N, C-alpha and C. Protein backbone atom coordinates (compact mmCIF):
# COMPACT_ATOMS: atom_id res chain seq x y z
N UNK A 1 0.80 -1.20 0.02
CA UNK A 1 0.02 -0.06 -0.01
C UNK A 1 0.88 1.21 0.05
N UNK A 2 0.62 2.16 -0.97
CA UNK A 2 1.39 3.37 -1.01
C UNK A 2 0.54 4.55 -0.49
N UNK A 3 1.24 5.47 0.06
CA UNK A 3 0.43 6.68 0.52
C UNK A 3 0.77 7.79 -0.46
N UNK A 4 -0.28 8.56 -0.73
CA UNK A 4 -0.14 9.67 -1.62
C UNK A 4 -0.25 10.94 -0.86
N UNK A 5 0.57 11.89 -1.21
CA UNK A 5 0.50 13.17 -0.56
C UNK A 5 -0.42 14.10 -1.31
N UNK A 6 -1.35 14.63 -0.65
CA UNK A 6 -2.30 15.50 -1.18
C UNK A 6 -1.91 17.00 -0.86
N UNK A 7 -1.74 17.79 -1.82
CA UNK A 7 -1.42 19.22 -1.58
C UNK A 7 -2.57 20.11 -1.95
N UNK A 8 -3.00 20.96 -1.06
CA UNK A 8 -4.09 21.81 -1.29
C UNK A 8 -3.72 22.88 -2.36
N UNK A 9 -4.68 23.22 -3.17
CA UNK A 9 -4.49 24.21 -4.17
C UNK A 9 -4.42 25.62 -3.59
N UNK A 10 -3.67 26.48 -4.23
CA UNK A 10 -3.65 27.88 -3.86
C UNK A 10 -4.80 28.63 -4.30
N UNK A 11 -5.61 28.00 -5.19
CA UNK A 11 -6.70 28.69 -5.82
C UNK A 11 -6.44 29.15 -7.26
N UNK A 12 -5.14 29.11 -7.62
CA UNK A 12 -4.75 29.52 -8.90
C UNK A 12 -3.83 28.31 -9.46
N UNK A 13 -4.28 27.71 -10.53
CA UNK A 13 -3.63 26.58 -11.07
C UNK A 13 -2.19 26.88 -11.50
N UNK A 14 -1.97 28.16 -12.01
CA UNK A 14 -0.71 28.54 -12.56
C UNK A 14 0.33 28.68 -11.46
N UNK A 15 -0.09 29.20 -10.24
CA UNK A 15 0.82 29.25 -9.12
C UNK A 15 1.17 27.88 -8.66
N UNK A 16 0.11 26.92 -8.69
CA UNK A 16 0.40 25.56 -8.37
C UNK A 16 1.39 24.89 -9.26
N UNK A 17 1.42 25.32 -10.53
CA UNK A 17 2.37 24.79 -11.43
C UNK A 17 3.73 25.45 -11.42
N UNK A 18 3.93 26.47 -10.60
CA UNK A 18 5.22 27.01 -10.28
C UNK A 18 5.47 28.34 -10.99
N UNK A 19 4.39 28.94 -11.57
CA UNK A 19 4.62 30.33 -12.15
C UNK A 19 4.68 31.34 -10.98
N UNK A 20 5.37 32.38 -11.28
CA UNK A 20 5.40 33.46 -10.29
C UNK A 20 4.02 34.12 -10.08
N UNK A 21 3.71 34.68 -8.96
CA UNK A 21 2.38 35.18 -8.75
C UNK A 21 1.97 36.21 -9.78
N UNK A 22 2.79 37.07 -10.17
CA UNK A 22 2.38 38.03 -11.22
C UNK A 22 2.10 37.41 -12.53
N UNK A 23 2.85 36.49 -12.95
CA UNK A 23 2.67 35.79 -14.22
C UNK A 23 1.42 34.82 -14.12
N UNK A 24 1.19 34.22 -12.90
CA UNK A 24 0.14 33.42 -12.72
C UNK A 24 -1.23 34.15 -12.75
N UNK A 25 -1.22 35.35 -12.24
CA UNK A 25 -2.40 36.22 -12.27
C UNK A 25 -2.84 36.47 -13.71
N UNK A 26 -1.91 36.86 -14.47
CA UNK A 26 -2.19 37.14 -16.00
C UNK A 26 -2.61 35.93 -16.69
N UNK A 27 -1.97 34.81 -16.47
CA UNK A 27 -2.31 33.57 -17.13
C UNK A 27 -3.68 33.12 -16.68
N UNK A 28 -4.12 33.33 -15.43
CA UNK A 28 -5.40 32.98 -15.00
C UNK A 28 -6.45 33.82 -15.68
N UNK A 29 -6.18 35.13 -15.79
CA UNK A 29 -7.11 36.01 -16.46
C UNK A 29 -7.35 35.65 -17.87
N UNK A 30 -6.23 35.29 -18.49
CA UNK A 30 -6.28 34.87 -19.91
C UNK A 30 -7.08 33.61 -20.04
N UNK A 31 -6.80 32.64 -19.20
CA UNK A 31 -7.53 31.43 -19.26
C UNK A 31 -9.07 31.54 -19.03
N UNK A 32 -9.38 32.40 -18.12
CA UNK A 32 -10.81 32.69 -17.70
C UNK A 32 -11.50 33.34 -18.93
N UNK A 33 -10.85 34.33 -19.51
CA UNK A 33 -11.48 34.99 -20.69
C UNK A 33 -11.65 34.08 -21.86
N UNK A 34 -10.61 33.27 -22.13
CA UNK A 34 -10.70 32.29 -23.23
C UNK A 34 -11.80 31.31 -23.08
N UNK A 35 -11.95 30.84 -21.82
CA UNK A 35 -12.98 29.80 -21.56
C UNK A 35 -14.38 30.45 -21.72
N UNK A 36 -14.54 31.71 -21.30
CA UNK A 36 -15.88 32.33 -21.43
C UNK A 36 -16.19 32.67 -22.88
N UNK A 37 -15.17 33.01 -23.62
CA UNK A 37 -15.42 33.34 -24.99
C UNK A 37 -15.85 32.04 -25.74
N UNK A 38 -15.14 30.97 -25.46
CA UNK A 38 -15.44 29.60 -26.07
C UNK A 38 -16.90 29.22 -25.67
N UNK A 39 -17.32 29.43 -24.33
CA UNK A 39 -18.68 29.10 -23.93
C UNK A 39 -19.69 29.92 -24.66
N UNK A 40 -19.33 31.26 -24.90
CA UNK A 40 -20.34 32.15 -25.52
C UNK A 40 -20.55 31.72 -27.00
N UNK A 41 -19.44 31.44 -27.70
CA UNK A 41 -19.49 30.88 -29.12
C UNK A 41 -20.33 29.67 -29.17
N UNK A 42 -20.16 28.70 -28.20
CA UNK A 42 -20.88 27.49 -28.28
C UNK A 42 -22.41 27.78 -27.94
N UNK A 43 -22.65 28.57 -26.87
CA UNK A 43 -24.06 28.85 -26.45
C UNK A 43 -24.83 29.48 -27.52
N UNK A 44 -24.18 30.36 -28.34
CA UNK A 44 -24.89 31.08 -29.40
C UNK A 44 -24.88 30.21 -30.72
N UNK A 45 -24.22 29.03 -30.64
CA UNK A 45 -24.16 28.11 -31.75
C UNK A 45 -23.62 28.83 -33.06
N UNK A 46 -22.52 29.60 -32.75
CA UNK A 46 -21.89 30.32 -33.90
C UNK A 46 -20.87 29.39 -34.65
N UNK A 47 -20.92 29.47 -35.87
CA UNK A 47 -19.84 28.82 -36.71
C UNK A 47 -18.55 29.56 -36.46
N UNK A 48 -17.45 28.93 -36.79
CA UNK A 48 -16.17 29.76 -36.56
C UNK A 48 -16.14 30.88 -37.53
N UNK A 49 -16.72 30.85 -38.71
CA UNK A 49 -16.77 31.93 -39.63
C UNK A 49 -17.62 33.07 -39.13
N UNK A 50 -18.75 32.69 -38.53
CA UNK A 50 -19.65 33.75 -38.00
C UNK A 50 -19.02 34.37 -36.82
N UNK A 51 -18.38 33.64 -35.92
CA UNK A 51 -17.74 34.10 -34.74
C UNK A 51 -16.54 35.00 -35.13
N UNK A 52 -15.88 34.60 -36.24
CA UNK A 52 -14.74 35.47 -36.76
C UNK A 52 -15.31 36.88 -37.23
N UNK A 53 -16.41 36.89 -37.88
CA UNK A 53 -17.01 38.05 -38.41
C UNK A 53 -17.37 38.97 -37.23
N UNK A 54 -17.96 38.42 -36.19
CA UNK A 54 -18.40 39.21 -35.05
C UNK A 54 -17.18 39.79 -34.28
N UNK A 55 -16.04 38.91 -34.11
CA UNK A 55 -14.92 39.29 -33.37
C UNK A 55 -13.96 40.15 -34.14
N UNK A 56 -14.13 40.19 -35.49
CA UNK A 56 -13.27 40.97 -36.29
C UNK A 56 -11.90 40.35 -36.50
N UNK A 57 -11.80 39.01 -36.50
CA UNK A 57 -10.60 38.25 -36.66
C UNK A 57 -10.83 37.26 -37.72
N UNK A 58 -9.73 36.56 -38.09
CA UNK A 58 -9.81 35.46 -39.10
C UNK A 58 -10.43 34.23 -38.42
N UNK A 59 -10.97 33.34 -39.22
CA UNK A 59 -11.51 32.06 -38.79
C UNK A 59 -10.40 31.20 -38.11
N UNK A 60 -9.21 31.34 -38.64
CA UNK A 60 -8.04 30.59 -37.98
C UNK A 60 -7.90 31.09 -36.52
N UNK A 61 -7.99 32.40 -36.32
CA UNK A 61 -7.81 32.82 -34.87
C UNK A 61 -8.93 32.31 -33.99
N UNK A 62 -10.18 32.25 -34.57
CA UNK A 62 -11.30 31.62 -33.77
C UNK A 62 -10.98 30.11 -33.45
N UNK A 63 -10.43 29.42 -34.44
CA UNK A 63 -10.05 28.08 -34.27
C UNK A 63 -9.03 27.96 -33.13
N UNK A 64 -8.03 28.82 -33.11
CA UNK A 64 -7.02 28.95 -32.03
C UNK A 64 -7.70 29.09 -30.68
N UNK A 65 -8.70 30.02 -30.70
CA UNK A 65 -9.38 30.32 -29.45
C UNK A 65 -10.15 29.08 -28.97
N UNK A 66 -10.87 28.51 -29.82
CA UNK A 66 -11.74 27.30 -29.46
C UNK A 66 -10.88 26.14 -28.98
N UNK A 67 -9.74 26.00 -29.58
CA UNK A 67 -8.76 24.90 -29.28
C UNK A 67 -7.89 25.17 -28.06
N UNK A 68 -8.10 26.36 -27.46
CA UNK A 68 -7.33 26.70 -26.28
C UNK A 68 -5.92 27.05 -26.43
N UNK A 69 -5.55 27.56 -27.54
CA UNK A 69 -4.13 27.92 -27.85
C UNK A 69 -3.90 29.30 -27.19
N UNK A 70 -3.79 29.21 -25.82
CA UNK A 70 -3.62 30.49 -25.03
C UNK A 70 -2.37 31.21 -25.28
N UNK A 71 -1.35 30.56 -25.72
CA UNK A 71 -0.08 31.23 -26.00
C UNK A 71 -0.15 32.19 -27.17
N UNK A 72 -1.19 32.10 -28.00
CA UNK A 72 -1.38 32.92 -29.20
C UNK A 72 -2.22 34.17 -28.83
N UNK A 73 -2.67 34.31 -27.65
CA UNK A 73 -3.53 35.51 -27.26
C UNK A 73 -2.98 36.23 -26.09
N UNK A 74 -2.72 37.53 -26.37
CA UNK A 74 -2.32 38.33 -25.16
C UNK A 74 -3.57 38.71 -24.34
N UNK A 75 -3.40 39.08 -23.13
CA UNK A 75 -4.52 39.49 -22.24
C UNK A 75 -5.21 40.71 -22.94
N UNK A 76 -4.49 41.56 -23.58
CA UNK A 76 -5.07 42.72 -24.18
C UNK A 76 -5.99 42.29 -25.41
N UNK A 77 -5.52 41.33 -26.11
CA UNK A 77 -6.30 40.86 -27.28
C UNK A 77 -7.59 40.16 -26.80
N UNK A 78 -7.52 39.44 -25.71
CA UNK A 78 -8.72 38.70 -25.21
C UNK A 78 -9.73 39.73 -24.69
N UNK A 79 -9.21 40.78 -24.08
CA UNK A 79 -10.12 41.87 -23.53
C UNK A 79 -10.83 42.47 -24.71
N UNK A 80 -10.11 42.74 -25.79
CA UNK A 80 -10.64 43.39 -27.05
C UNK A 80 -11.73 42.47 -27.59
N UNK A 81 -11.46 41.11 -27.70
CA UNK A 81 -12.43 40.20 -28.19
C UNK A 81 -13.68 40.14 -27.34
N UNK A 82 -13.44 40.15 -26.00
CA UNK A 82 -14.59 40.13 -25.14
C UNK A 82 -15.49 41.34 -25.24
N UNK A 83 -14.91 42.50 -25.36
CA UNK A 83 -15.65 43.76 -25.48
C UNK A 83 -16.49 43.70 -26.83
N UNK A 84 -15.87 43.10 -27.84
CA UNK A 84 -16.51 43.09 -29.15
C UNK A 84 -17.78 42.16 -29.10
N UNK A 85 -17.90 41.26 -28.17
CA UNK A 85 -19.09 40.44 -28.07
C UNK A 85 -20.02 40.94 -26.94
N UNK A 86 -19.76 42.07 -26.42
CA UNK A 86 -20.65 42.68 -25.48
C UNK A 86 -20.29 42.45 -24.03
N UNK A 87 -19.11 41.87 -23.72
CA UNK A 87 -18.70 41.73 -22.29
C UNK A 87 -18.16 43.07 -21.88
N UNK A 88 -18.43 43.49 -20.61
CA UNK A 88 -17.90 44.64 -20.05
C UNK A 88 -16.69 44.15 -19.11
N UNK A 89 -15.50 44.52 -19.48
CA UNK A 89 -14.33 44.00 -18.75
C UNK A 89 -13.75 45.11 -17.95
N UNK A 90 -13.38 44.65 -16.72
CA UNK A 90 -12.74 45.63 -15.80
C UNK A 90 -11.77 44.83 -14.91
N UNK A 91 -10.75 45.44 -14.43
CA UNK A 91 -9.76 44.85 -13.63
C UNK A 91 -9.85 45.43 -12.28
N UNK A 92 -10.01 44.57 -11.21
CA UNK A 92 -10.02 45.10 -9.86
C UNK A 92 -9.17 44.26 -8.94
N UNK A 93 -8.58 44.83 -8.09
CA UNK A 93 -7.76 44.12 -7.04
C UNK A 93 -8.66 43.66 -5.97
N UNK A 94 -8.63 42.38 -5.59
CA UNK A 94 -9.59 41.81 -4.65
C UNK A 94 -8.96 41.70 -3.20
N UNK A 95 -7.60 41.61 -3.20
CA UNK A 95 -6.98 41.63 -1.89
C UNK A 95 -5.48 41.71 -2.03
N UNK A 96 -4.90 42.36 -0.95
CA UNK A 96 -3.41 42.43 -0.98
C UNK A 96 -3.10 41.89 0.46
N UNK A 97 -2.22 40.85 0.45
CA UNK A 97 -1.84 40.22 1.70
C UNK A 97 -0.34 40.19 1.67
N UNK A 98 0.27 40.47 2.80
CA UNK A 98 1.77 40.50 3.01
C UNK A 98 2.37 41.17 1.70
N UNK A 99 2.27 42.53 1.77
CA UNK A 99 2.79 43.30 0.66
C UNK A 99 4.09 42.76 0.09
N UNK A 100 4.14 42.65 -1.18
CA UNK A 100 5.33 42.10 -1.91
C UNK A 100 5.40 40.59 -1.92
N UNK A 101 4.53 39.89 -1.16
CA UNK A 101 4.54 38.45 -1.10
C UNK A 101 3.32 37.86 -1.91
N UNK A 102 2.13 38.40 -1.63
CA UNK A 102 1.04 37.78 -2.35
C UNK A 102 0.08 38.87 -2.76
N UNK A 103 -0.19 39.01 -3.98
CA UNK A 103 -1.22 39.83 -4.51
C UNK A 103 -2.14 39.14 -5.33
N UNK A 104 -3.45 39.20 -4.98
CA UNK A 104 -4.42 38.55 -5.77
C UNK A 104 -5.22 39.54 -6.54
N UNK A 105 -5.33 39.33 -7.90
CA UNK A 105 -6.06 40.18 -8.75
C UNK A 105 -7.14 39.37 -9.48
N UNK A 106 -8.24 39.96 -9.83
CA UNK A 106 -9.31 39.30 -10.49
C UNK A 106 -9.86 40.15 -11.57
N UNK A 107 -10.02 39.50 -12.75
CA UNK A 107 -10.62 40.18 -13.88
C UNK A 107 -12.13 39.94 -13.83
N UNK A 108 -12.87 40.98 -13.79
CA UNK A 108 -14.33 40.90 -13.63
C UNK A 108 -14.90 41.40 -14.99
N UNK A 109 -15.98 40.69 -15.41
CA UNK A 109 -16.65 41.15 -16.55
C UNK A 109 -18.08 40.67 -16.56
N UNK A 110 -18.90 41.28 -17.34
CA UNK A 110 -20.29 40.84 -17.45
C UNK A 110 -20.73 41.06 -18.82
N UNK A 111 -21.83 40.31 -19.22
CA UNK A 111 -22.39 40.52 -20.48
C UNK A 111 -23.46 41.63 -20.40
N UNK A 112 -23.55 42.44 -21.37
CA UNK A 112 -24.48 43.57 -21.39
C UNK A 112 -25.90 43.02 -21.81
């Protein structure tokens, strides 16, 4: 019988994977925006071509988005795409603990 060590999550997968807190915050925001854009495209049953027309990008960019190719999208680009589909995007700091040690930021947005 082997024992397994269970490690509690920090609440941010990217920190758990070893990214620095600042990089992890940006990666988490990017991942959240990408996931919600994919959900919106699916919920509205948009073809990639129709989604591309609405987003103002090529169909291949929509394909990258749907397939989760996060390395091809900056946070700025994802915010731009989100606003083009009617999401209202804002950045707010939710907590600061141990100045210089842990800063948690959250990207908040809503559909109009």
